Amino acid sequence: MNRNKFILSIMVAVVFCQIAMARTPSPAGAVEYIISPAPDSELTSPVTIKFGIKGMGVAPAGVNKPDTGHHHLLIDVTEIPLLDKPIPKDDHHIHFGGGQTETTLELPPGQHTLQLIFGDKDHMPFDPPVMSDKITITVK
């Protein structure tokens, strides 16, 4: 490959990555919240967590429909994920890409924090981000 074709291919890759990682605008007034459990609840495991969203719709990951997305549950996360990258997927960042609005989880005894962040079709946080308040629960 000659030098010009190589440079052009690099430029195309950079532009593609920037376009692919563009954040979807969120509608004004959109709010995500935890329906239950209530903050400062004392519970036994398994714990059922119900998610709510106001001003937007819920759709599975990959569905490109205006003002829709899906929930991501942050468990015991001290810092919000980077807002210019897809939300991580691990034991502390749980994706609900099927459009689920609740889950039941086994949590070990102790204090835990829970927070929701709404992601677009590609698991990217909206701009501005739509997220719940962080709550603390105690599992006995």
C-alpha atoms as a PDB file:
ATOM      1  CA  MET A   1       0.000   0.000   0.000  1.00  0.00           C
ATOM      2  CA  ASN A   2       1.433   3.368  -0.903  1.00  0.00           C
ATOM      3  CA  ARG A   3       1.796   6.136   1.670  1.00  0.00           C
ATOM      4  CA  ASN A   4      -1.204   8.206   0.448  1.00  0.00           C
ATOM      5  CA  LYS A   5      -3.602   5.241   0.560  1.00  0.00           C
ATOM      6  CA  PHE A   6      -2.345   4.363   4.045  1.00  0.00           C
ATOM      7  CA  ILE A   7      -2.902   7.917   5.320  1.00  0.00           C
ATOM      8  CA  LEU A   8      -6.349   8.012   3.711  1.00  0.00           C
ATOM      9  CA  SER A   9      -7.345   4.707   5.323  1.00  0.00           C
ATOM     10  CA  ILE A  10      -6.229   6.019   8.744  1.00  0.00           C
ATOM     11  CA  MET A  11      -8.274   9.210   8.249  1.00  0.00           C
ATOM     12  CA  VAL A  12     -11.373   7.235   7.274  1.00  0.00           C
ATOM     13  CA  ALA A  13     -10.976   5.009  10.346  1.00  0.00           C
ATOM     14  CA  VAL A  14     -10.669   8.037  12.646  1.00  0.00           C
ATOM     15  CA  VAL A  15     -13.772   9.710  11.165  1.00  0.00           C
ATOM     16  CA  PHE A  16     -15.740   6.447  11.383  1.00  0.00           C
ATOM     17  CA  CYS A  17     -14.825   6.035  15.085  1.00  0.00           C
ATOM     18  CA  GLN A  18     -15.859   9.612  15.831  1.00  0.00           C
ATOM     19  CA  ILE A  19     -19.197   9.134  14.085  1.00  0.00           C
ATOM     20  CA  ALA A  20     -19.768   5.736  15.724  1.00  0.00           C
ATOM     21  CA  MET A  21     -19.126   7.190  19.190  1.00  0.00           C
ATOM     22  CA  ALA A  22     -21.321  10.294  18.795  1.00  0.00           C
ATOM     23  CA  ARG A  23     -23.742  10.644  21.700  1.00  0.00           C
ATOM     24  CA  THR A  24     -27.481  10.708  21.105  1.00  0.00           C
ATOM     25  CA  PRO A  25     -29.240  13.849  22.391  1.00  0.00           C
ATOM     26  CA  SER A  26     -31.667  13.243  25.257  1.00  0.00           C
ATOM     27  CA  PRO A  27     -35.021  15.016  25.322  1.00  0.00           C
ATOM     28  CA  ALA A  28     -35.454  17.876  27.770  1.00  0.00           C
ATOM     29  CA  GLY A  29     -36.881  16.759  31.084  1.00  0.00           C
ATOM     30  CA  ALA A  30     -36.049  13.054  30.715  1.00  0.00           C
ATOM     31  CA  VAL A  31     -35.633  11.383  34.115  1.00  0.00           C
ATOM     32  CA  GLU A  32     -34.510   7.881  35.054  1.00  0.00           C
ATOM     33  CA  TYR A  33     -35.228   6.581  38.533  1.00  0.00           C
ATOM     34  CA  ILE A  34     -35.262   3.510  40.742  1.00  0.00           C
ATOM     35  CA  ILE A  35     -38.862   2.573  41.579  1.00  0.00           C
ATOM     36  CA  SER A  36     -37.801   0.050  44.199  1.00  0.00           C
ATOM     37  CA  PRO A  37     -36.137  -0.663  46.507  1.00  0.00           C
ATOM     38  CA  ALA A  38     -36.434   2.580  48.419  1.00  0.00           C
ATOM     39  CA  PRO A  39     -33.237   4.345  49.508  1.00  0.00           C
ATOM     40  CA  ASP A  40     -31.809   3.055  52.801  1.00  0.00           C
ATOM     41  CA  SER A  41     -33.875  -0.163  52.627  1.00  0.00           C
ATOM     42  CA  GLU A  42     -32.771  -3.228  54.588  1.00  0.00           C
ATOM     43  CA  LEU A  43     -33.404  -6.319  52.472  1.00  0.00           C
ATOM     44  CA  THR A  44     -32.567  -9.976  52.127  1.00  0.00           C
ATOM     45  CA  SER A  45     -31.116 -11.435  48.968  1.00  0.00           C
ATOM     46  CA  PRO A  46     -32.258 -11.926  46.267  1.00  0.00           C
ATOM     47  CA  VAL A  47     -33.086  -8.248  45.709  1.00  0.00           C
ATOM     48  CA  THR A  48     -35.613  -7.116  43.102  1.00  0.00           C
ATOM     49  CA  ILE A  49     -34.834  -3.759  41.492  1.00  0.00           C
ATOM     50  CA  LYS A  50     -37.466  -1.970  39.388  1.00  0.00           C
ATOM     51  CA  PHE A  51     -36.453   0.725  36.906  1.00  0.00           C
ATOM     52  CA  GLY A  52     -38.399   3.786  35.770  1.00  0.00           C
ATOM     53  CA  ILE A  53     -38.017   6.330  32.977  1.00  0.00           C
ATOM     54  CA  LYS A  54     -40.014   9.500  32.323  1.00  0.00           C
ATOM     55  CA  GLY A  55     -39.943  11.431  29.048  1.00  0.00           C
ATOM     56  CA  MET A  56     -38.396   8.582  27.037  1.00  0.00           C
ATOM     57  CA  GLY A  57     -39.291   5.097  25.883  1.00  0.00           C
ATOM     58  CA  VAL A  58     -37.615   1.754  26.473  1.00  0.00           C
ATOM     59  CA  ALA A  59     -36.452  -0.329  23.518  1.00  0.00           C
ATOM     60  CA  PRO A  60     -33.956  -3.171  23.132  1.00  0.00           C
ATOM     61  CA  ALA A  61     -30.348  -2.368  22.260  1.00  0.00           C
ATOM     62  CA  GLY A  62     -29.881  -1.916  18.529  1.00  0.00           C
ATOM     63  CA  VAL A  63     -33.323  -0.367  17.994  1.00  0.00           C
ATOM     64  CA  ASN A  64     -32.866   3.068  16.439  1.00  0.00           C
ATOM     65  CA  LYS A  65     -36.000   4.954  17.469  1.00  0.00           C
ATOM     66  CA  PRO A  66     -35.988   8.600  18.634  1.00  0.00           C
ATOM     67  CA  ASP A  67     -36.007   9.216  22.390  1.00  0.00           C
ATOM     68  CA  THR A  68     -35.633   5.545  23.322  1.00  0.00           C
ATOM     69  CA  GLY A  69     -32.943   3.527  25.011  1.00  0.00           C
ATOM     70  CA  HIS A  70     -32.411   0.894  27.648  1.00  0.00           C
ATOM     71  CA  HIS A  71     -31.371   0.691  31.281  1.00  0.00           C
ATOM     72  CA  HIS A  72     -27.929  -0.067  32.731  1.00  0.00           C
ATOM     73  CA  LEU A  73     -27.605  -0.798  36.445  1.00  0.00           C
ATOM     74  CA  LEU A  74     -24.484   0.358  38.264  1.00  0.00           C
ATOM     75  CA  ILE A  75     -23.781  -1.658  41.416  1.00  0.00           C
ATOM     76  CA  ASP A  76     -21.222  -0.388  43.931  1.00  0.00           C
ATOM     77  CA  VAL A  77     -19.696   1.952  41.346  1.00  0.00           C
ATOM     78  CA  THR A  78     -17.827   4.928  42.784  1.00  0.00           C
ATOM     79  CA  GLU A  79     -17.464   6.852  39.508  1.00  0.00           C
ATOM     80  CA  ILE A  80     -19.856   7.305  36.604  1.00  0.00           C
ATOM     81  CA  PRO A  81     -18.607   5.554  33.437  1.00  0.00           C
ATOM     82  CA  LEU A  82     -16.944   7.702  30.772  1.00  0.00           C
ATOM     83  CA  LEU A  83     -19.704   9.509  28.911  1.00  0.00           C
ATOM     84  CA  ASP A  84     -17.978   9.404  25.512  1.00  0.00           C
ATOM     85  CA  LYS A  85     -17.671   5.608  25.421  1.00  0.00           C
ATOM     86  CA  PRO A  86     -20.184   2.752  25.549  1.00  0.00           C
ATOM     87  CA  ILE A  87     -21.157   1.800  29.102  1.00  0.00           C
ATOM     88  CA  PRO A  88     -18.913  -1.067  30.272  1.00  0.00           C
ATOM     89  CA  LYS A  89     -20.382  -4.525  30.791  1.00  0.00           C
ATOM     90  CA  ASP A  90     -19.163  -6.366  33.893  1.00  0.00           C
ATOM     91  CA  ASP A  91     -20.305  -7.376  37.385  1.00  0.00           C
ATOM     92  CA  HIS A  92     -20.706  -3.696  38.348  1.00  0.00           C
ATOM     93  CA  HIS A  93     -22.271  -2.426  35.085  1.00  0.00           C
ATOM     94  CA  ILE A  94     -25.211  -4.610  34.116  1.00  0.00           C
ATOM     95  CA  HIS A  95     -26.856  -4.116  30.718  1.00  0.00           C
ATOM     96  CA  PHE A  96     -30.561  -4.611  30.124  1.00  0.00           C
ATOM     97  CA  GLY A  97     -30.348  -4.552  26.338  1.00  0.00           C
ATOM     98  CA  GLY A  98     -33.526  -6.588  25.975  1.00  0.00           C
ATOM     99  CA  GLY A  99     -35.540  -3.615  27.212  1.00  0.00           C
ATOM    100  CA  GLN A 100     -36.068  -5.089  30.692  1.00  0.00           C
ATOM    101  CA  THR A 101     -37.474  -2.806  33.380  1.00  0.00           C
ATOM    102  CA  GLU A 102     -36.606  -4.880  36.443  1.00  0.00           C
ATOM    103  CA  THR A 103     -34.208  -7.519  37.666  1.00  0.00           C
ATOM    104  CA  THR A 104     -33.679  -9.811  40.636  1.00  0.00           C
ATOM    105  CA  LEU A 105     -30.089 -10.160  41.817  1.00  0.00           C
ATOM    106  CA  GLU A 106     -28.210 -12.095  44.465  1.00  0.00           C
ATOM    107  CA  LEU A 107     -26.233  -9.532  46.446  1.00  0.00           C
ATOM    108  CA  PRO A 108     -23.889 -10.446  49.307  1.00  0.00           C
ATOM    109  CA  PRO A 109     -24.659  -9.153  52.797  1.00  0.00           C
ATOM    110  CA  GLY A 110     -23.570  -5.580  53.427  1.00  0.00           C
ATOM    111  CA  GLN A 111     -24.140  -2.101  52.115  1.00  0.00           C
ATOM    112  CA  HIS A 112     -24.524  -1.574  48.359  1.00  0.00           C
ATOM    113  CA  THR A 113     -25.075   1.386  46.063  1.00  0.00           C
ATOM    114  CA  LEU A 114     -27.411   1.232  43.075  1.00  0.00           C
ATOM    115  CA  GLN A 115     -27.732   3.702  40.223  1.00  0.00           C
ATOM    116  CA  LEU A 116     -29.208   3.592  36.717  1.00  0.00           C
ATOM    117  CA  ILE A 117     -27.846   5.164  33.546  1.00  0.00           C
ATOM    118  CA  PHE A 118     -29.864   5.119  30.328  1.00  0.00           C
ATOM    119  CA  GLY A 119     -28.044   4.085  27.170  1.00  0.00           C
ATOM    120  CA  ASP A 120     -28.904   4.476  23.503  1.00  0.00           C
ATOM    121  CA  LYS A 121     -29.058   1.700  20.902  1.00  0.00           C
ATOM    122  CA  ASP A 122     -25.261   1.324  21.119  1.00  0.00           C
ATOM    123  CA  HIS A 123     -25.014   1.441  24.966  1.00  0.00           C
ATOM    124  CA  MET A 124     -23.766   5.056  24.813  1.00  0.00           C
ATOM    125  CA  PRO A 125     -24.935   7.460  27.523  1.00  0.00           C
ATOM    126  CA  PHE A 126     -27.275  10.147  26.204  1.00  0.00           C
ATOM    127  CA  ASP A 127     -26.220  13.799  25.960  1.00  0.00           C
ATOM    128  CA  PRO A 128     -26.886  15.123  28.526  1.00  0.00           C
ATOM    129  CA  PRO A 129     -26.827  11.847  30.469  1.00  0.00           C
ATOM    130  CA  VAL A 130     -30.109  10.454  31.786  1.00  0.00           C
ATOM    131  CA  MET A 131     -29.438   8.758  35.103  1.00  0.00           C
ATOM    132  CA  SER A 132     -31.026   8.097  38.456  1.00  0.00           C
ATOM    133  CA  ASP A 133     -29.903   9.285  41.826  1.00  0.00           C
ATOM    134  CA  LYS A 134     -27.554   6.839  43.538  1.00  0.00           C
ATOM    135  CA  ILE A 135     -29.220   4.998  46.405  1.00  0.00           C
ATOM    136  CA  THR A 136     -27.781   2.880  49.201  1.00  0.00           C
ATOM    137  CA  ILE A 137     -29.352  -0.358  50.412  1.00  0.00           C
ATOM    138  CA  THR A 138     -28.296  -2.867  53.041  1.00  0.00           C
ATOM    139  CA  VAL A 139     -28.545  -6.612  52.451  1.00  0.00           C
ATOM    140  CA  LYS A 140     -28.863  -8.633  55.674  1.00  0.00           C
END
